[in-house]
Protein backbone atom coordinates (compact mmCIF):
# COMPACT_ATOMS: atom_id res chain seq x y z
CA UNK A 1 122.57 30.42 -8.16
CA UNK A 2 122.49 33.67 -10.04
CA UNK A 3 124.95 36.51 -9.62
CA UNK A 4 122.15 38.76 -8.35
CA UNK A 5 121.29 36.37 -5.55
CA UNK A 6 124.94 36.03 -4.52
CA UNK A 7 125.41 39.80 -4.49
CA UNK A 8 122.37 40.27 -2.27
CA UNK A 9 123.57 37.56 0.12
CA UNK A 10 127.07 39.02 0.33
CA UNK A 11 125.62 42.48 0.99
CA UNK A 12 123.40 41.13 3.76
CA UNK A 13 126.39 39.49 5.44
CA UNK A 14 128.61 42.54 4.90
CA UNK A 15 126.38 45.01 6.77
CA UNK A 16 126.52 43.36 10.24
CA UNK A 17 130.25 42.79 9.79
CA UNK A 18 130.85 46.50 9.18
CA UNK A 19 128.78 47.50 12.18
CA UNK A 20 130.47 44.98 14.47
CA UNK A 21 133.84 46.38 13.38
CA UNK A 22 132.55 49.86 14.12
CA UNK A 23 131.33 48.79 17.56
CA UNK A 24 134.72 47.32 18.46
CA UNK A 25 136.50 50.48 17.34
CA UNK A 26 134.02 52.64 19.29
CA UNK A 27 134.82 50.72 22.48
CA UNK A 28 138.53 51.19 21.80
CA UNK A 29 138.10 54.95 21.12
CA UNK A 30 136.13 55.51 24.34
CA UNK A 31 138.63 53.46 26.36
CA UNK A 32 141.54 55.57 25.08
CA UNK A 33 139.71 58.79 25.98
CA UNK A 34 138.83 57.62 29.50
CA UNK A 35 142.40 56.38 30.03
CA UNK A 36 143.74 59.81 29.00
CA UNK A 37 141.31 61.51 31.39
CA UNK A 38 142.47 59.31 34.27
CA UNK A 39 146.10 60.00 33.35
CA UNK A 40 145.61 63.75 33.56
CA UNK A 41 144.00 63.48 37.00
CA UNK A 42 146.73 61.21 38.36
CA UNK A 43 149.48 63.45 36.99
CA UNK A 44 148.04 66.71 38.31
CA UNK A 45 146.47 65.68 41.63
CA UNK A 46 147.80 62.18 42.32
CA UNK A 47 144.32 60.66 42.21
CA UNK A 48 141.62 59.74 39.75
CA UNK A 49 139.49 62.76 38.77
CA UNK A 50 136.12 62.88 40.49
CA UNK A 51 134.26 63.29 37.21
CA UNK A 52 135.88 60.34 35.45
CA UNK A 53 132.88 58.04 35.67
CA UNK A 54 130.51 60.79 34.59
CA UNK A 55 132.79 61.61 31.67
CA UNK A 56 133.12 57.95 30.69
CA UNK A 57 129.38 57.40 31.03
CA UNK A 58 128.65 60.43 28.88
CA UNK A 59 131.01 59.22 26.15
CA UNK A 60 129.51 55.73 26.27
CA UNK A 61 126.00 57.19 25.97
CA UNK A 62 126.89 59.46 23.04
CA UNK A 63 128.91 56.77 21.27
CA UNK A 64 126.25 54.11 21.85
CA UNK A 65 123.40 56.24 20.54
CA UNK A 66 125.32 57.29 17.43
CA UNK A 67 126.39 53.71 16.72
CA UNK A 68 122.86 52.34 17.09
CA UNK A 69 121.50 54.97 14.72
CA UNK A 70 124.15 54.15 12.13
CA UNK A 71 123.52 50.41 12.57
CA UNK A 72 119.80 50.94 11.97
CA UNK A 73 119.69 53.65 9.31
CA UNK A 74 123.07 53.38 7.54
CA UNK A 75 124.08 49.71 7.86
CA UNK A 76 126.47 49.72 4.88
CA UNK A 77 128.34 52.90 5.87
CA UNK A 78 132.07 53.16 6.37
CA UNK A 79 132.92 51.60 9.78
CA UNK A 80 135.85 53.92 10.58
CA UNK A 81 134.41 57.43 10.31
CA UNK A 82 132.30 57.39 13.48
CA UNK A 83 134.95 55.84 15.82
CA UNK A 84 137.64 58.22 14.54
CA UNK A 85 135.44 61.27 15.12
CA UNK A 86 134.48 59.97 18.58
CA UNK A 87 138.13 59.48 19.51
CA UNK A 88 139.08 63.02 18.47
CA UNK A 89 136.08 64.49 20.28
CA UNK A 90 136.88 62.50 23.43
CA UNK A 91 140.56 63.53 23.42
CA UNK A 92 139.53 67.13 22.82
CA UNK A 93 137.36 67.05 25.95
CA UNK A 94 140.32 65.67 27.94
CA UNK A 95 142.67 68.40 26.67
CA UNK A 96 140.17 71.16 27.41
CA UNK A 97 139.50 69.83 30.91
CA UNK A 98 143.26 69.61 31.52
CA UNK A 99 143.66 73.30 30.61
CA UNK A 100 140.70 74.19 32.84
CA UNK A 101 142.78 73.01 35.81
CA UNK A 102 145.57 75.49 35.08
CA UNK A 103 146.04 78.07 37.82
CA UNK A 104 147.50 80.49 35.25
CA UNK A 105 144.42 80.39 33.05
CA UNK A 106 142.09 80.66 36.05
CA UNK A 107 143.97 83.73 37.30
CA UNK A 108 144.05 85.27 33.82
CA UNK A 109 140.31 84.79 33.34
CA UNK A 110 139.51 86.29 36.74
CA UNK A 111 141.79 89.25 36.00
CA UNK A 112 140.23 89.94 32.58
CA UNK A 113 136.57 88.99 33.16
CA UNK A 114 136.23 88.86 36.94
CA UNK A 115 135.10 85.23 36.87
CA UNK A 116 136.40 81.92 35.55
CA UNK A 117 134.01 79.68 33.62
CA UNK A 118 135.42 76.22 32.83
CA UNK A 119 135.22 75.27 29.15
CA UNK A 120 135.01 71.48 29.48
CA UNK A 121 131.36 71.23 30.68
CA UNK A 122 130.28 73.59 27.93
CA UNK A 123 132.25 71.60 25.35
CA UNK A 124 130.62 68.38 26.56
CA UNK A 125 127.22 70.00 26.08
CA UNK A 126 128.19 71.08 22.54
CA UNK A 127 129.42 67.55 21.84
CA UNK A 128 126.05 66.14 22.90
CA UNK A 129 124.27 68.63 20.65
CA UNK A 130 126.69 67.73 17.85
CA UNK A 131 125.87 64.03 18.19
CA UNK A 132 122.14 64.94 18.21
CA UNK A 133 122.70 66.87 14.97
CA UNK A 134 124.59 63.86 13.59
CA UNK A 135 121.59 61.65 14.37
CA UNK A 136 119.15 64.19 12.91
CA UNK A 137 121.07 64.38 9.63
CA UNK A 138 121.08 60.60 9.25
CA UNK A 139 117.37 60.35 10.05
CA UNK A 140 116.27 63.21 7.79
CA UNK A 141 118.70 62.77 4.90
CA UNK A 142 117.58 59.44 3.43
CA UNK A 143 119.46 60.04 0.17
CA UNK A 144 122.30 62.54 -0.31
CA UNK A 145 121.15 63.23 -3.88
CA UNK A 146 118.24 65.23 -2.46
CA UNK A 147 120.77 67.98 -1.66
CA UNK A 148 121.36 68.49 -5.38
CA UNK A 149 117.94 70.14 -5.65
CA UNK A 150 119.16 72.98 -3.44
CA UNK A 151 122.27 73.90 -5.43
CA UNK A 152 121.55 77.60 -5.88
CA UNK A 153 119.67 77.96 -2.61
CA UNK A 154 122.77 76.69 -0.84
CA UNK A 155 124.86 79.33 -2.64
CA UNK A 156 122.61 82.10 -1.31
CA UNK A 157 122.62 80.66 2.22
CA UNK A 158 126.42 80.29 2.20
CA UNK A 159 126.92 83.89 1.07
CA UNK A 160 124.57 85.14 3.79
CA UNK A 161 126.47 83.16 6.42
CA UNK A 162 129.80 84.56 5.20
CA UNK A 163 128.57 88.17 5.02
CA UNK A 164 126.67 88.32 8.34
CA UNK A 165 129.75 88.65 10.62
CA UNK A 166 130.58 91.98 8.95
CA UNK A 167 127.67 93.54 10.85
CA UNK A 168 128.80 92.35 14.29
CA UNK A 169 131.70 93.57 16.43
CA UNK A 170 135.03 91.88 15.81
CA UNK A 171 136.88 89.75 18.36
CA UNK A 172 140.65 89.41 18.58
CA UNK A 173 141.10 91.38 15.36
CA UNK A 174 138.72 89.40 13.14
CA UNK A 175 135.00 89.54 12.35
CA UNK A 176 134.08 85.88 12.17
CA UNK A 177 131.47 85.61 14.94
CA UNK A 178 127.78 86.39 15.28
CA UNK A 179 126.75 87.19 18.85
CA UNK A 180 123.06 86.75 19.70
CA UNK A 181 121.69 86.82 23.26
CA UNK A 182 125.14 86.17 24.69
CA UNK A 183 125.87 83.18 22.44
CA UNK A 184 128.58 83.37 19.78
CA UNK A 185 128.22 81.49 16.51
CA UNK A 186 130.94 81.11 13.89
CA UNK A 187 128.95 80.83 10.63
CA UNK A 188 132.01 80.02 8.52
CA UNK A 189 132.06 76.53 10.05
CA UNK A 190 128.60 75.77 8.65
CA UNK A 191 129.25 77.66 5.41
CA UNK A 192 131.98 75.18 4.38
CA UNK A 193 129.39 72.36 4.21
CA UNK A 194 126.83 74.45 2.36
CA UNK A 195 129.45 75.73 -0.09
CA UNK A 196 130.52 72.14 -0.80
CA UNK A 197 126.90 71.29 -1.66
CA UNK A 198 126.71 74.25 -4.07
CA UNK A 199 130.02 73.45 -5.74
CA UNK A 200 129.08 69.78 -6.15
CA UNK A 201 125.78 70.63 -7.81
CA UNK A 202 127.23 73.40 -10.00
CA UNK A 203 130.32 71.52 -11.18
CA UNK A 204 128.33 68.38 -11.97
CA UNK A 205 126.44 70.38 -14.59
CA UNK A 206 129.27 72.64 -15.81
CA UNK A 207 132.27 70.31 -15.66
CA UNK A 208 132.31 69.52 -19.40
CA UNK A 209 132.47 73.21 -20.30
CA UNK A 210 135.14 73.89 -17.69
CA UNK A 211 137.25 70.96 -18.89
CA UNK A 212 137.68 72.44 -22.36
CA UNK A 213 141.02 74.10 -23.10
CA UNK A 214 142.00 76.50 -25.85
CA UNK A 215 145.77 76.11 -25.94
CA UNK A 216 148.65 74.33 -24.29
CA UNK A 217 151.51 76.27 -22.68
CA UNK A 218 154.56 74.76 -20.91
CA UNK A 219 152.83 71.41 -20.51
CA UNK A 220 149.65 72.91 -19.03
CA UNK A 221 146.23 73.25 -20.60
CA UNK A 222 145.14 76.86 -20.31
CA UNK A 223 141.37 77.36 -19.92
CA UNK A 224 139.43 79.65 -22.18
CA UNK A 225 138.75 83.19 -21.03
CA UNK A 226 135.05 82.56 -20.53
CA UNK A 227 135.81 79.57 -18.30
CA UNK A 228 137.93 81.71 -15.98
CA UNK A 229 134.76 83.51 -14.87
CA UNK A 230 133.74 81.15 -12.02
CA UNK A 231 137.21 80.96 -10.50
CA UNK A 232 137.62 84.75 -10.74
CA UNK A 233 134.32 85.29 -8.94
CA UNK A 234 135.26 82.87 -6.14
CA UNK A 235 138.72 84.46 -5.89
CA UNK A 236 137.17 87.92 -5.59
CA UNK A 237 134.73 86.75 -2.90
CA UNK A 238 137.53 85.18 -0.86
CA UNK A 239 139.52 88.42 -1.07
CA UNK A 240 136.49 90.47 0.01
CA UNK A 241 136.00 88.20 3.02
CA UNK A 242 139.65 88.63 3.92
CA UNK A 243 139.50 92.42 3.55
CA UNK A 244 136.26 93.15 5.40
CA UNK A 245 136.45 90.41 8.04
CA UNK A 246 140.26 89.96 8.22
CA UNK A 247 139.57 86.22 8.19
CA UNK A 248 142.50 84.53 6.49
CA UNK A 249 141.40 81.01 7.44
CA UNK A 250 137.91 81.14 5.92
CA UNK A 251 139.30 82.75 2.76
CA UNK A 252 141.84 79.95 2.30
CA UNK A 253 139.19 77.32 3.02
CA UNK A 254 136.64 78.89 0.68
CA UNK A 255 138.99 79.29 -2.27
CA UNK A 256 140.94 76.06 -1.72
CA UNK A 257 137.74 74.02 -1.59
CA UNK A 258 136.62 75.38 -4.95
CA UNK A 259 139.98 74.70 -6.61
CA UNK A 260 140.08 71.10 -5.30
CA UNK A 261 136.57 70.34 -6.52
CA UNK A 262 137.23 72.07 -9.84
CA UNK A 263 140.32 69.93 -10.38
CA UNK A 264 138.47 66.72 -9.51
CA UNK A 265 135.57 67.62 -11.81
CA UNK A 266 137.69 68.62 -14.82
CA UNK A 267 140.98 66.70 -14.28
CA UNK A 268 142.86 69.80 -15.47
CA UNK A 269 146.11 70.48 -13.59
CA UNK A 270 146.05 74.06 -14.87
CA UNK A 271 143.24 74.89 -12.43
CA UNK A 272 145.48 73.93 -9.48
CA UNK A 273 148.29 76.16 -10.80
CA UNK A 274 145.95 79.09 -11.40
CA UNK A 275 144.38 78.61 -7.99
CA UNK A 276 147.70 78.62 -6.14
CA UNK A 277 148.95 81.68 -8.04
CA UNK A 278 145.74 83.64 -7.45
CA UNK A 279 145.52 82.74 -3.76
CA UNK A 280 149.15 83.76 -3.24
CA UNK A 281 148.64 87.03 -5.13
CA UNK A 282 145.51 87.86 -3.14
CA UNK A 283 147.07 87.06 0.24
CA UNK A 284 150.20 89.10 -0.52
CA UNK A 285 148.12 92.01 -1.76
CA UNK A 286 145.89 92.10 1.33
CA UNK A 287 148.83 91.65 3.71
CA UNK A 288 150.42 94.85 2.39
CA UNK A 289 147.66 97.11 3.76
CA UNK A 290 145.66 95.06 6.32
CA UNK A 291 147.41 95.41 9.70
CA UNK A 292 145.86 92.31 11.33
CA UNK A 293 146.99 90.05 8.47
CA UNK A 294 150.35 91.79 8.27
CA UNK A 295 151.02 91.24 11.97
CA UNK A 296 150.37 87.52 11.59
CA UNK A 297 152.71 87.36 8.61
CA UNK A 298 155.41 89.16 10.64
CA UNK A 299 154.92 86.72 13.52
CA UNK A 300 155.26 83.84 11.08
CA UNK A 301 158.46 85.19 9.53
CA UNK A 302 160.15 85.95 12.86
CA UNK A 303 158.20 84.53 15.82
CA UNK A 304 160.91 85.45 18.36
CA UNK A 305 162.00 88.80 16.95
CA UNK A 306 158.89 90.96 16.67
CA UNK A 307 158.03 91.45 20.35
CA UNK A 308 159.15 95.07 20.22
CA UNK A 309 157.05 95.95 17.18
CA UNK A 310 154.02 93.65 17.42
CA UNK A 311 152.22 91.66 20.12
CA UNK A 312 151.24 88.86 17.75
CA UNK A 313 154.48 86.96 18.37
CA UNK A 314 153.80 85.90 21.94
CA UNK A 315 151.36 83.09 21.22
CA UNK A 316 153.18 81.54 18.28
CA UNK A 317 156.56 81.71 20.04
CA UNK A 318 155.14 80.03 23.16
CA UNK A 319 153.59 77.34 20.95
CA UNK A 320 156.92 76.65 19.24
CA UNK A 321 158.63 76.37 22.63
CA UNK A 322 155.90 73.96 23.77
CA UNK A 323 156.58 71.71 20.80
CA UNK A 324 160.30 71.88 21.51
CA UNK A 325 159.98 71.00 25.18
CA UNK A 326 157.75 68.02 24.38
CA UNK A 327 160.46 66.14 22.51
CA UNK A 328 159.68 62.69 21.15
CA UNK A 329 157.51 61.24 23.92
CA UNK A 330 156.30 64.40 25.66
CA UNK A 331 156.37 65.66 29.23
CA UNK A 332 153.32 63.59 30.20
CA UNK A 333 149.60 64.36 30.49
CA UNK A 334 149.06 67.43 32.65
CA UNK A 335 152.79 68.16 32.99
CA UNK A 336 153.25 70.77 30.26
CA UNK A 337 153.19 74.57 30.26
CA UNK A 338 151.17 75.32 27.14
CA UNK A 339 148.79 77.31 29.35
CA UNK A 340 151.33 80.15 29.01
CA UNK A 341 149.79 80.75 25.57
CA UNK A 342 146.75 82.24 27.32
CA UNK A 343 143.12 82.32 26.29
CA UNK A 344 143.80 80.62 22.92
CA UNK A 345 145.42 77.56 24.54
CA UNK A 346 142.23 75.50 24.32
CA UNK A 347 141.15 76.84 20.91
CA UNK A 348 143.59 77.80 18.13
CA UNK A 349 146.65 76.43 19.94
CA UNK A 350 145.33 73.22 21.47
CA UNK A 351 147.79 71.29 19.30
CA UNK A 352 150.59 72.87 21.34
CA UNK A 353 149.32 70.98 24.39
CA UNK A 354 149.28 67.76 22.34
CA UNK A 355 152.84 68.33 21.12
CA UNK A 356 154.20 69.16 24.56
CA UNK A 357 152.46 66.60 26.75
CA UNK A 358 152.41 63.53 24.48
CA UNK A 359 155.29 64.58 22.25
CA UNK A 360 156.06 64.05 18.60
CA UNK A 361 154.73 60.49 18.78
CA UNK A 362 151.37 61.65 20.10
CA UNK A 363 151.22 64.50 17.61
CA UNK A 364 151.83 62.11 14.72
CA UNK A 365 149.13 59.80 16.07
CA UNK A 366 146.59 62.65 16.20
CA UNK A 367 147.49 63.80 12.68
CA UNK A 368 147.21 60.20 11.51
CA UNK A 369 143.64 60.07 12.86
CA UNK A 370 142.82 63.19 10.86
CA UNK A 371 144.50 61.63 7.84
CA UNK A 372 142.39 58.48 8.20
CA UNK A 373 139.17 60.52 8.27
CA UNK A 374 140.26 62.31 5.08
CA UNK A 375 141.27 59.00 3.45
CA UNK A 376 137.93 57.40 4.27
CA UNK A 377 136.17 60.43 2.83
CA UNK A 378 138.15 60.13 -0.40
CA UNK A 379 137.46 56.39 -0.50
CA UNK A 380 133.76 57.19 -0.13
CA UNK A 381 134.02 59.57 -3.09
CA UNK A 382 135.62 56.81 -5.17
CA UNK A 383 132.89 54.33 -4.21
CA UNK A 384 129.98 56.71 -4.87
CA UNK A 385 127.93 55.74 -7.92
CA UNK A 386 126.64 59.19 -8.85
CA UNK A 387 128.69 62.26 -9.91
CA UNK A 388 127.07 64.52 -7.32
CA UNK A 389 127.94 62.12 -4.50
CA UNK A 390 131.53 61.86 -5.71
CA UNK A 391 131.98 65.63 -5.84
CA UNK A 392 130.21 66.22 -2.51
CA UNK A 393 132.29 63.59 -0.70
CA UNK A 394 135.55 64.92 -2.12
CA UNK A 395 134.45 68.48 -1.30
CA UNK A 396 133.66 67.69 2.33
CA UNK A 397 136.90 65.70 2.69
CA UNK A 398 138.83 68.54 1.04
CA UNK A 399 137.30 71.15 3.35
CA UNK A 400 138.20 69.02 6.36
CA UNK A 401 141.74 68.51 5.07
CA UNK A 402 142.29 72.21 4.35
CA UNK A 403 141.09 73.18 7.82
CA UNK A 404 143.41 70.67 9.49
CA UNK A 405 146.32 71.86 7.36
CA UNK A 406 145.87 75.60 7.92
CA UNK A 407 145.36 75.18 11.70
CA UNK A 408 148.24 72.74 12.22
CA UNK A 409 150.46 74.68 9.84
CA UNK A 410 149.73 77.96 11.60
CA UNK A 411 150.37 76.61 15.10
CA UNK A 412 153.60 74.91 14.03
CA UNK A 413 154.87 77.96 12.14
CA UNK A 414 154.63 76.42 8.68
CA UNK A 415 152.21 79.10 7.43
CA UNK A 416 150.84 82.32 8.98
CA UNK A 417 148.29 81.79 11.73
CA UNK A 418 144.69 81.76 10.46
CA UNK A 419 142.56 81.76 13.62
CA UNK A 420 140.50 78.67 12.72
CA UNK A 421 139.75 75.88 15.18
CA UNK A 422 141.10 72.33 15.03
CA UNK A 423 138.16 70.03 14.17
CA UNK A 424 136.77 68.12 17.20
CA UNK A 425 139.80 68.92 19.42
CA UNK A 426 139.48 72.65 20.03
CA UNK A 427 136.90 74.38 22.20
CA UNK A 428 134.06 75.87 20.19
CA UNK A 429 130.45 74.89 19.70
CA UNK A 430 130.12 75.91 16.04
CA UNK A 431 133.10 73.79 15.03
CA UNK A 432 131.91 70.67 16.88
CA UNK A 433 128.37 70.92 15.48
CA UNK A 434 129.50 71.55 11.90
CA UNK A 435 132.02 68.73 11.88
CA UNK A 436 129.55 66.20 13.30
CA UNK A 437 127.16 67.20 10.51
CA UNK A 438 130.00 66.76 7.99
CA UNK A 439 130.71 63.23 9.28
CA UNK A 440 126.99 62.40 9.07
CA UNK A 441 126.79 63.40 5.40
CA UNK A 442 129.91 61.36 4.57
CA UNK A 443 128.39 58.34 6.35
CA UNK A 444 125.16 58.76 4.38
CA UNK A 445 127.08 58.91 1.07
CA UNK A 446 129.16 55.86 1.99
CA UNK A 447 126.04 53.90 2.96
CA UNK A 448 124.41 54.68 -0.39
CA UNK A 449 127.60 53.85 -2.28
CA UNK A 450 128.10 50.44 -0.64
CA UNK A 451 124.48 49.37 -0.47
CA UNK A 452 123.86 46.40 -2.82
CA UNK A 453 121.82 47.23 -5.89
CA UNK A 454 118.31 45.73 -5.78
CA UNK A 455 117.79 42.60 -7.85
CA UNK A 456 115.94 43.33 -11.12
CA UNK A 457 112.57 41.62 -11.44
CA UNK A 458 112.44 38.98 -14.24
CA UNK A 459 110.18 40.04 -17.11
CA UNK A 460 109.01 36.58 -18.18
CA UNK A 461 108.80 32.94 -17.10
CA UNK A 462 111.65 32.03 -19.43
CA UNK A 463 113.89 34.70 -17.91
CA UNK A 464 112.91 33.51 -14.42
CA UNK A 465 114.06 30.01 -15.35
CA UNK A 466 117.41 31.36 -16.58
CA UNK A 467 118.01 33.37 -13.42
CA UNK A 468 117.43 30.55 -10.94
CA UNK A 469 119.07 27.81 -13.00
CA UNK A 470 122.39 26.64 -11.38
């Protein structure tokens, strides 16, 4: 038979195989999450938690719905992305519920706000909305290339989302939230996706001009002066965000995303060097006069020695001690003391609970899950047939990777704390919704990339005879 017929047959067999693999991994991911939930209850109260069956049923419902939608509307998509995201989301719910049981955090909340509101039920609600958004993206976005039409509209929307928090009161020293009718939204989480769409569309058109170089210096190709314009504009915008909103995390994400996509589009190492130098220069410059950023830098340089001069050391020092007390295998689910970190224990510093209660081994496993999501995103970019899809997939994967790095690096003391949330694990509705939308777009790109090309129709009887001839 012809090659076209064989390709179509292989593709038809491949789709159910991918989805069956995904289903098996989904069952495994949900089982791990429910097992962790039961472990926490047994460790803290000596009995299974009363909400275990409701929690397990909720995860099964969310996982089942998302899997069925992918099986129906994206049958050729990557089989690992959805189970990995489900596993992280499920473990995040367990960690948040575990911290809700802390007497210290309950007492602290009642002292500060007069009432304690558990975070786990709210996070479960946000997870359900996130899965609904995931389903909506897959149903509405039939082809990722449609997003290319909105290149410049996405730029305007992203800038509006990044500028809006300046007009709202700051929280914890940074202006990164919008508060409407009692609900807080972190627009930077959604802006990273919209910015990736803009960069993908812009660089697809301008990459040839940006790849040109005028001279070579010390083994690097230096770009022409006119080509430095885009990177200078993005650098200036990231600095303005950092100055007016004191948001180090979004600035790093915004600028780092552009440099990664610029490097992939042009294959010029010089852009990476320029990007690192400019980001370092901007961060150092702002840290010299912005107190909030300076205090975080001081806490990073000496987390145990700045208690007398600055209160920013308490959280990072407690996090470091949590990692140290966890050792290799951890203290056990529900047996740690990361709740001493305070209100940020279930948000910025939720990795401290991971490191203390399931140890270095558990921490490496969690980071490996993040690494697998990033790797599958990069693999999707390599498999994509169109330039826009390649750049968009690498941009979304790069944004996800940068966020994981700056959060984990800040909590572990590798870099100054940024205030961003760990994707899927940490409490926060904006983060959960945005990251489920990110996974949905990657799944759509991977489905388009792996879908078999339609067989061309023969143009004549003679050609028909040649195609079907053995």
